[in-house]
Amino acid sequence: MAASNIHSAVQVNLAYELRGLTDHRIHTELSILIDSMEHKPDLCAYPFQELDPKHDIVRMEELPLLAIEIVSPTQLPQAIVAKIETYLSAGIPSCWMVLPYPTAVTVYSSQKETTFVEGNIIDDTFGVELPIKNVFR
């Protein structure tokens, strides 16, 4: 599915904001395997490792610490919630659903879900806090 103008811009904004986390490597559209099924979160984060160009990985079997899905105009939020439930039940500790309109970010973990519409997005599970206004500018 092609990303819309806003979806693409929000994805880049999130990658930029998360890029400052020097102990993590941020990926976009990386294939991860869950129960032999391929999934591609819009963004995901792994513990930082140097890139090894001689040994690229096409589909990650190791699960990320964070998976982010951005709702596009052709998707229903319920479909994204189903993806997030799959991610959480597989063992991904933290997942975000980003809604470009109306602007909101819901942070999910196995213990709770919290929706942010202003101020800072706070993810205690992943250990990050960032201004929501920078995501949607």
N, C-alpha and C. Protein backbone atom coordinates (compact mmCIF):
# COMPACT_ATOMS: atom_id res chain seq x y z
N MET A 1 0.85 -1.17 0.00
CA MET A 1 0.00 0.00 0.00
C MET A 1 0.89 1.24 0.00
N ALA A 2 0.59 2.18 -0.86
CA ALA A 2 1.37 3.41 -0.95
C ALA A 2 1.02 4.34 0.22
N ALA A 3 2.05 4.99 0.73
CA ALA A 3 1.84 5.93 1.83
C ALA A 3 1.36 7.27 1.29
N SER A 4 0.48 7.91 2.01
CA SER A 4 0.00 9.22 1.62
C SER A 4 1.04 10.29 1.98
N ASN A 5 0.81 11.49 1.53
CA ASN A 5 1.69 12.62 1.82
C ASN A 5 1.87 12.81 3.32
N ILE A 6 0.77 12.85 4.07
CA ILE A 6 0.87 13.07 5.52
C ILE A 6 1.47 11.85 6.20
N HIS A 7 1.06 10.65 5.82
CA HIS A 7 1.62 9.43 6.39
C HIS A 7 3.14 9.44 6.25
N SER A 8 3.62 9.74 5.06
CA SER A 8 5.05 9.76 4.79
C SER A 8 5.77 10.81 5.63
N ALA A 9 5.21 12.01 5.71
CA ALA A 9 5.83 13.08 6.49
C ALA A 9 5.87 12.74 7.98
N VAL A 10 4.78 12.18 8.50
CA VAL A 10 4.74 11.78 9.91
C VAL A 10 5.76 10.69 10.18
N GLN A 11 5.91 9.76 9.26
CA GLN A 11 6.89 8.68 9.42
C GLN A 11 8.31 9.25 9.51
N VAL A 12 8.63 10.19 8.64
CA VAL A 12 9.96 10.83 8.68
C VAL A 12 10.14 11.63 9.96
N ASN A 13 9.11 12.36 10.37
CA ASN A 13 9.20 13.14 11.61
C ASN A 13 9.47 12.23 12.81
N LEU A 14 8.76 11.12 12.89
CA LEU A 14 8.98 10.18 13.99
C LEU A 14 10.38 9.59 13.94
N ALA A 15 10.84 9.20 12.76
CA ALA A 15 12.19 8.65 12.63
C ALA A 15 13.22 9.68 13.07
N TYR A 16 13.01 10.93 12.69
CA TYR A 16 13.94 12.00 13.08
C TYR A 16 13.96 12.18 14.60
N GLU A 17 12.79 12.21 15.20
CA GLU A 17 12.70 12.39 16.66
C GLU A 17 13.34 11.23 17.41
N LEU A 18 13.13 10.01 16.92
CA LEU A 18 13.66 8.82 17.58
C LEU A 18 15.14 8.59 17.26
N ARG A 19 15.63 9.20 16.21
CA ARG A 19 17.02 9.02 15.77
C ARG A 19 18.01 9.45 16.86
N GLY A 20 17.60 10.36 17.71
CA GLY A 20 18.46 10.84 18.78
C GLY A 20 18.73 9.81 19.87
N LEU A 21 18.04 8.70 19.85
CA LEU A 21 18.24 7.65 20.84
C LEU A 21 19.47 6.83 20.44
N THR A 22 20.62 7.20 20.94
CA THR A 22 21.86 6.59 20.48
C THR A 22 22.02 5.13 20.88
N ASP A 23 21.22 4.67 21.82
CA ASP A 23 21.32 3.26 22.21
C ASP A 23 20.34 2.37 21.43
N HIS A 24 19.68 2.94 20.43
CA HIS A 24 18.73 2.18 19.60
C HIS A 24 18.98 2.48 18.13
N ARG A 25 18.64 1.54 17.29
CA ARG A 25 18.67 1.74 15.84
C ARG A 25 17.22 1.77 15.38
N ILE A 26 16.84 2.83 14.66
CA ILE A 26 15.48 3.00 14.17
C ILE A 26 15.42 2.53 12.72
N HIS A 27 14.40 1.74 12.40
CA HIS A 27 14.21 1.21 11.05
C HIS A 27 12.83 1.62 10.53
N THR A 28 12.74 1.80 9.22
CA THR A 28 11.44 2.03 8.58
C THR A 28 11.14 0.85 7.67
N GLU A 29 9.88 0.40 7.71
CA GLU A 29 9.39 -0.66 6.81
C GLU A 29 10.25 -1.92 6.84
N LEU A 30 10.80 -2.27 8.00
CA LEU A 30 11.62 -3.46 8.14
C LEU A 30 10.72 -4.69 8.30
N SER A 31 10.99 -5.73 7.56
CA SER A 31 10.21 -6.97 7.66
C SER A 31 10.61 -7.74 8.92
N ILE A 32 9.62 -8.08 9.71
CA ILE A 32 9.85 -8.92 10.88
C ILE A 32 8.95 -10.15 10.77
N LEU A 33 9.45 -11.27 11.24
CA LEU A 33 8.68 -12.51 11.20
C LEU A 33 8.05 -12.78 12.55
N ILE A 34 6.75 -13.00 12.52
CA ILE A 34 5.99 -13.40 13.71
C ILE A 34 5.20 -14.63 13.32
N ASP A 35 5.50 -15.76 13.95
CA ASP A 35 4.84 -17.02 13.62
C ASP A 35 4.88 -17.30 12.12
N SER A 36 6.05 -17.12 11.53
CA SER A 36 6.30 -17.37 10.10
C SER A 36 5.55 -16.42 9.16
N MET A 37 4.91 -15.40 9.72
CA MET A 37 4.21 -14.41 8.90
C MET A 37 5.03 -13.13 8.89
N GLU A 38 5.11 -12.49 7.72
CA GLU A 38 5.88 -11.26 7.58
C GLU A 38 5.02 -10.05 7.93
N HIS A 39 5.59 -9.19 8.76
CA HIS A 39 4.93 -7.93 9.15
C HIS A 39 5.91 -6.80 8.90
N LYS A 40 5.38 -5.62 8.53
CA LYS A 40 6.23 -4.46 8.28
C LYS A 40 5.68 -3.25 9.01
N PRO A 41 6.07 -3.07 10.27
CA PRO A 41 5.64 -1.83 10.94
C PRO A 41 6.23 -0.62 10.21
N ASP A 42 5.56 0.50 10.30
CA ASP A 42 6.07 1.71 9.66
C ASP A 42 7.44 2.08 10.23
N LEU A 43 7.60 1.92 11.53
CA LEU A 43 8.88 2.16 12.20
C LEU A 43 9.05 1.10 13.28
N CYS A 44 10.29 0.77 13.57
CA CYS A 44 10.56 -0.10 14.70
C CYS A 44 11.95 0.22 15.24
N ALA A 45 12.21 -0.21 16.46
CA ALA A 45 13.48 0.09 17.12
C ALA A 45 14.07 -1.17 17.71
N TYR A 46 15.37 -1.30 17.52
CA TYR A 46 16.16 -2.41 18.07
C TYR A 46 17.30 -1.82 18.89
N PRO A 47 17.89 -2.61 19.77
CA PRO A 47 19.12 -2.14 20.41
C PRO A 47 20.15 -1.83 19.32
N PHE A 48 20.94 -0.78 19.56
CA PHE A 48 21.90 -0.33 18.55
C PHE A 48 22.94 -1.40 18.26
N GLN A 49 23.17 -1.66 16.98
CA GLN A 49 24.26 -2.50 16.51
C GLN A 49 24.83 -1.84 15.26
N GLU A 50 26.14 -1.92 15.10
CA GLU A 50 26.76 -1.42 13.88
C GLU A 50 26.21 -2.21 12.69
N LEU A 51 26.07 -1.55 11.56
CA LEU A 51 25.62 -2.22 10.35
C LEU A 51 26.75 -3.08 9.80
N ASP A 52 26.40 -4.25 9.29
CA ASP A 52 27.36 -5.17 8.69
C ASP A 52 26.93 -5.39 7.24
N PRO A 53 27.45 -4.57 6.30
CA PRO A 53 27.01 -4.65 4.90
C PRO A 53 27.21 -6.02 4.26
N LYS A 54 28.14 -6.82 4.77
CA LYS A 54 28.38 -8.14 4.19
C LYS A 54 27.32 -9.16 4.60
N HIS A 55 26.57 -8.85 5.65
CA HIS A 55 25.60 -9.82 6.18
C HIS A 55 24.26 -9.14 6.45
N ASP A 56 23.62 -8.72 5.40
CA ASP A 56 22.33 -8.06 5.55
C ASP A 56 21.26 -9.09 5.94
N ILE A 57 20.21 -8.63 6.59
CA ILE A 57 19.10 -9.49 7.00
C ILE A 57 17.84 -8.99 6.30
N VAL A 58 17.19 -9.87 5.55
CA VAL A 58 16.01 -9.47 4.78
C VAL A 58 14.76 -9.50 5.65
N ARG A 59 14.64 -10.50 6.52
CA ARG A 59 13.50 -10.61 7.43
C ARG A 59 14.04 -10.88 8.83
N MET A 60 13.72 -9.97 9.73
CA MET A 60 14.22 -10.10 11.11
C MET A 60 13.41 -11.15 11.86
N GLU A 61 14.11 -12.05 12.50
CA GLU A 61 13.45 -13.01 13.38
C GLU A 61 13.43 -12.49 14.81
N GLU A 62 14.42 -11.67 15.15
CA GLU A 62 14.44 -11.03 16.46
C GLU A 62 13.38 -9.93 16.47
N LEU A 63 12.59 -9.89 17.52
CA LEU A 63 11.53 -8.88 17.60
C LEU A 63 12.09 -7.54 18.05
N PRO A 64 11.52 -6.44 17.56
CA PRO A 64 11.96 -5.12 17.99
C PRO A 64 11.47 -4.81 19.41
N LEU A 65 12.03 -3.78 19.99
CA LEU A 65 11.59 -3.30 21.30
C LEU A 65 10.38 -2.37 21.17
N LEU A 66 10.22 -1.78 19.99
CA LEU A 66 9.15 -0.83 19.71
C LEU A 66 8.70 -1.02 18.28
N ALA A 67 7.38 -1.04 18.06
CA ALA A 67 6.80 -1.06 16.71
C ALA A 67 5.79 0.07 16.61
N ILE A 68 5.86 0.82 15.52
CA ILE A 68 4.96 1.97 15.33
C ILE A 68 4.20 1.78 14.03
N GLU A 69 2.89 1.94 14.12
CA GLU A 69 2.01 1.91 12.95
C GLU A 69 1.31 3.26 12.81
N ILE A 70 1.33 3.80 11.60
CA ILE A 70 0.68 5.07 11.30
C ILE A 70 -0.57 4.76 10.48
N VAL A 71 -1.71 5.25 10.91
CA VAL A 71 -2.96 5.02 10.21
C VAL A 71 -2.97 5.87 8.94
N SER A 72 -3.17 5.22 7.79
CA SER A 72 -3.26 5.94 6.53
C SER A 72 -4.74 6.16 6.18
N PRO A 73 -5.01 7.05 5.22
CA PRO A 73 -6.41 7.35 4.89
C PRO A 73 -7.22 6.15 4.41
N THR A 74 -6.55 5.11 3.93
CA THR A 74 -7.27 3.94 3.41
C THR A 74 -7.39 2.83 4.45
N GLN A 75 -6.95 3.08 5.69
CA GLN A 75 -7.02 2.07 6.74
C GLN A 75 -8.00 2.49 7.83
N LEU A 76 -8.57 1.49 8.47
CA LEU A 76 -9.39 1.74 9.64
C LEU A 76 -8.51 1.57 10.89
N PRO A 77 -8.69 2.41 11.90
CA PRO A 77 -7.92 2.24 13.13
C PRO A 77 -8.05 0.83 13.73
N GLN A 78 -9.22 0.19 13.55
CA GLN A 78 -9.41 -1.16 14.08
C GLN A 78 -8.42 -2.15 13.47
N ALA A 79 -8.07 -1.97 12.20
CA ALA A 79 -7.09 -2.85 11.55
C ALA A 79 -5.72 -2.67 12.17
N ILE A 80 -5.39 -1.44 12.51
CA ILE A 80 -4.09 -1.16 13.15
C ILE A 80 -4.07 -1.74 14.55
N VAL A 81 -5.17 -1.62 15.28
CA VAL A 81 -5.25 -2.19 16.62
C VAL A 81 -5.04 -3.71 16.55
N ALA A 82 -5.60 -4.36 15.55
CA ALA A 82 -5.40 -5.80 15.39
C ALA A 82 -3.93 -6.12 15.16
N LYS A 83 -3.23 -5.31 14.35
CA LYS A 83 -1.79 -5.51 14.16
C LYS A 83 -1.05 -5.35 15.48
N ILE A 84 -1.41 -4.33 16.22
CA ILE A 84 -0.73 -4.07 17.49
C ILE A 84 -0.97 -5.21 18.47
N GLU A 85 -2.18 -5.74 18.49
CA GLU A 85 -2.45 -6.90 19.36
C GLU A 85 -1.56 -8.08 18.98
N THR A 86 -1.35 -8.29 17.68
CA THR A 86 -0.46 -9.34 17.21
C THR A 86 0.97 -9.09 17.69
N TYR A 87 1.43 -7.86 17.55
CA TYR A 87 2.78 -7.49 17.99
C TYR A 87 2.97 -7.72 19.49
N LEU A 88 2.00 -7.25 20.27
CA LEU A 88 2.11 -7.39 21.73
C LEU A 88 2.08 -8.85 22.16
N SER A 89 1.18 -9.62 21.57
CA SER A 89 1.08 -11.03 21.98
C SER A 89 2.32 -11.82 21.54
N ALA A 90 3.03 -11.36 20.50
CA ALA A 90 4.27 -12.02 20.07
C ALA A 90 5.43 -11.69 20.99
N GLY A 91 5.30 -10.59 21.76
CA GLY A 91 6.36 -10.23 22.69
C GLY A 91 7.03 -8.89 22.44
N ILE A 92 6.53 -8.10 21.50
CA ILE A 92 7.07 -6.74 21.32
C ILE A 92 6.57 -5.92 22.51
N PRO A 93 7.47 -5.34 23.30
CA PRO A 93 7.05 -4.72 24.56
C PRO A 93 6.23 -3.43 24.41
N SER A 94 6.48 -2.67 23.34
CA SER A 94 5.80 -1.38 23.20
C SER A 94 5.40 -1.16 21.75
N CYS A 95 4.17 -0.66 21.56
CA CYS A 95 3.65 -0.38 20.22
C CYS A 95 2.91 0.95 20.24
N TRP A 96 3.03 1.69 19.15
CA TRP A 96 2.31 2.95 19.02
C TRP A 96 1.39 2.90 17.81
N MET A 97 0.20 3.49 17.98
CA MET A 97 -0.68 3.75 16.85
C MET A 97 -0.74 5.27 16.69
N VAL A 98 -0.36 5.73 15.51
CA VAL A 98 -0.30 7.16 15.23
C VAL A 98 -1.45 7.51 14.30
N LEU A 99 -2.28 8.43 14.75
CA LEU A 99 -3.46 8.85 13.98
C LEU A 99 -3.22 10.28 13.49
N PRO A 100 -2.98 10.47 12.18
CA PRO A 100 -2.70 11.81 11.66
C PRO A 100 -3.88 12.78 11.75
N TYR A 101 -5.12 12.26 11.70
CA TYR A 101 -6.27 13.16 11.85
C TYR A 101 -7.42 12.41 12.49
N PRO A 102 -7.94 12.88 13.60
CA PRO A 102 -7.36 13.96 14.41
C PRO A 102 -6.04 13.49 15.02
N THR A 103 -5.13 14.41 15.22
CA THR A 103 -3.79 14.06 15.65
C THR A 103 -3.79 13.44 17.05
N ALA A 104 -3.28 12.20 17.11
CA ALA A 104 -3.21 11.48 18.39
C ALA A 104 -2.20 10.34 18.25
N VAL A 105 -1.58 10.00 19.36
CA VAL A 105 -0.69 8.84 19.42
C VAL A 105 -1.12 8.01 20.63
N THR A 106 -1.43 6.74 20.39
CA THR A 106 -1.75 5.83 21.48
C THR A 106 -0.58 4.90 21.68
N VAL A 107 -0.08 4.84 22.92
CA VAL A 107 1.05 3.99 23.29
C VAL A 107 0.48 2.76 23.99
N TYR A 108 0.80 1.59 23.47
CA TYR A 108 0.32 0.32 24.01
C TYR A 108 1.47 -0.46 24.61
N SER A 109 1.21 -1.10 25.72
CA SER A 109 2.10 -2.12 26.27
C SER A 109 1.20 -3.23 26.79
N SER A 110 1.77 -4.29 27.31
CA SER A 110 0.93 -5.37 27.82
C SER A 110 0.15 -4.92 29.06
N GLN A 111 0.63 -3.88 29.75
CA GLN A 111 -0.03 -3.43 30.98
C GLN A 111 -1.09 -2.34 30.76
N LYS A 112 -0.89 -1.48 29.73
CA LYS A 112 -1.81 -0.34 29.60
C LYS A 112 -1.76 0.24 28.20
N GLU A 113 -2.70 1.14 27.97
CA GLU A 113 -2.67 1.96 26.76
C GLU A 113 -3.00 3.38 27.15
N THR A 114 -2.26 4.31 26.56
CA THR A 114 -2.44 5.73 26.87
C THR A 114 -2.44 6.51 25.58
N THR A 115 -3.42 7.41 25.42
CA THR A 115 -3.52 8.23 24.23
C THR A 115 -3.07 9.66 24.55
N PHE A 116 -2.24 10.19 23.65
CA PHE A 116 -1.72 11.55 23.79
C PHE A 116 -2.21 12.38 22.62
N VAL A 117 -2.75 13.57 22.93
CA VAL A 117 -3.21 14.49 21.89
C VAL A 117 -2.48 15.84 21.96
N GLU A 118 -1.77 16.07 23.05
CA GLU A 118 -0.99 17.30 23.21
C GLU A 118 0.13 17.02 24.21
N GLY A 119 1.05 17.97 24.33
CA GLY A 119 2.16 17.80 25.26
C GLY A 119 3.18 16.82 24.74
N ASN A 120 3.62 15.91 25.60
CA ASN A 120 4.64 14.93 25.23
C ASN A 120 4.06 13.53 25.15
N ILE A 121 4.57 12.76 24.18
CA ILE A 121 4.29 11.33 24.12
C ILE A 121 5.25 10.69 25.12
N ILE A 122 4.71 9.95 26.06
CA ILE A 122 5.53 9.31 27.09
C ILE A 122 5.34 7.81 26.98
N ASP A 123 6.45 7.13 26.73
CA ASP A 123 6.43 5.67 26.66
C ASP A 123 7.38 5.14 27.73
N ASP A 124 6.83 4.78 28.88
CA ASP A 124 7.64 4.29 29.99
C ASP A 124 8.26 2.93 29.68
N THR A 125 7.58 2.11 28.90
CA THR A 125 8.08 0.78 28.57
C THR A 125 9.33 0.87 27.70
N PHE A 126 9.29 1.70 26.67
CA PHE A 126 10.43 1.87 25.78
C PHE A 126 11.43 2.87 26.34
N GLY A 127 10.95 3.76 27.19
CA GLY A 127 11.83 4.73 27.82
C GLY A 127 12.11 5.95 26.97
N VAL A 128 11.04 6.54 26.44
CA VAL A 128 11.21 7.74 25.61
C VAL A 128 10.09 8.73 25.89
N GLU A 129 10.42 9.99 25.72
CA GLU A 129 9.44 11.08 25.82
C GLU A 129 9.79 12.07 24.73
N LEU A 130 8.78 12.42 23.91
CA LEU A 130 9.03 13.39 22.85
C LEU A 130 7.79 14.23 22.60
N PRO A 131 7.99 15.47 22.13
CA PRO A 131 6.85 16.37 21.92
C PRO A 131 5.97 15.91 20.76
N ILE A 132 4.70 15.80 21.03
CA ILE A 132 3.76 15.35 19.99
C ILE A 132 3.70 16.36 18.84
N LYS A 133 3.91 17.63 19.11
CA LYS A 133 3.83 18.64 18.06
C LYS A 133 4.89 18.39 16.98
N ASN A 134 6.04 17.80 17.34
CA ASN A 134 7.09 17.53 16.36
C ASN A 134 6.72 16.38 15.43
N VAL A 135 5.80 15.54 15.84
CA VAL A 135 5.37 14.41 15.01
C VAL A 135 4.47 14.89 13.88
N PHE A 136 3.64 15.88 14.14
CA PHE A 136 2.62 16.30 13.19
C PHE A 136 2.89 17.66 12.53
N ARG A 137 4.13 18.11 12.56
CA ARG A 137 4.43 19.42 11.94
C ARG A 137 4.76 19.29 10.49
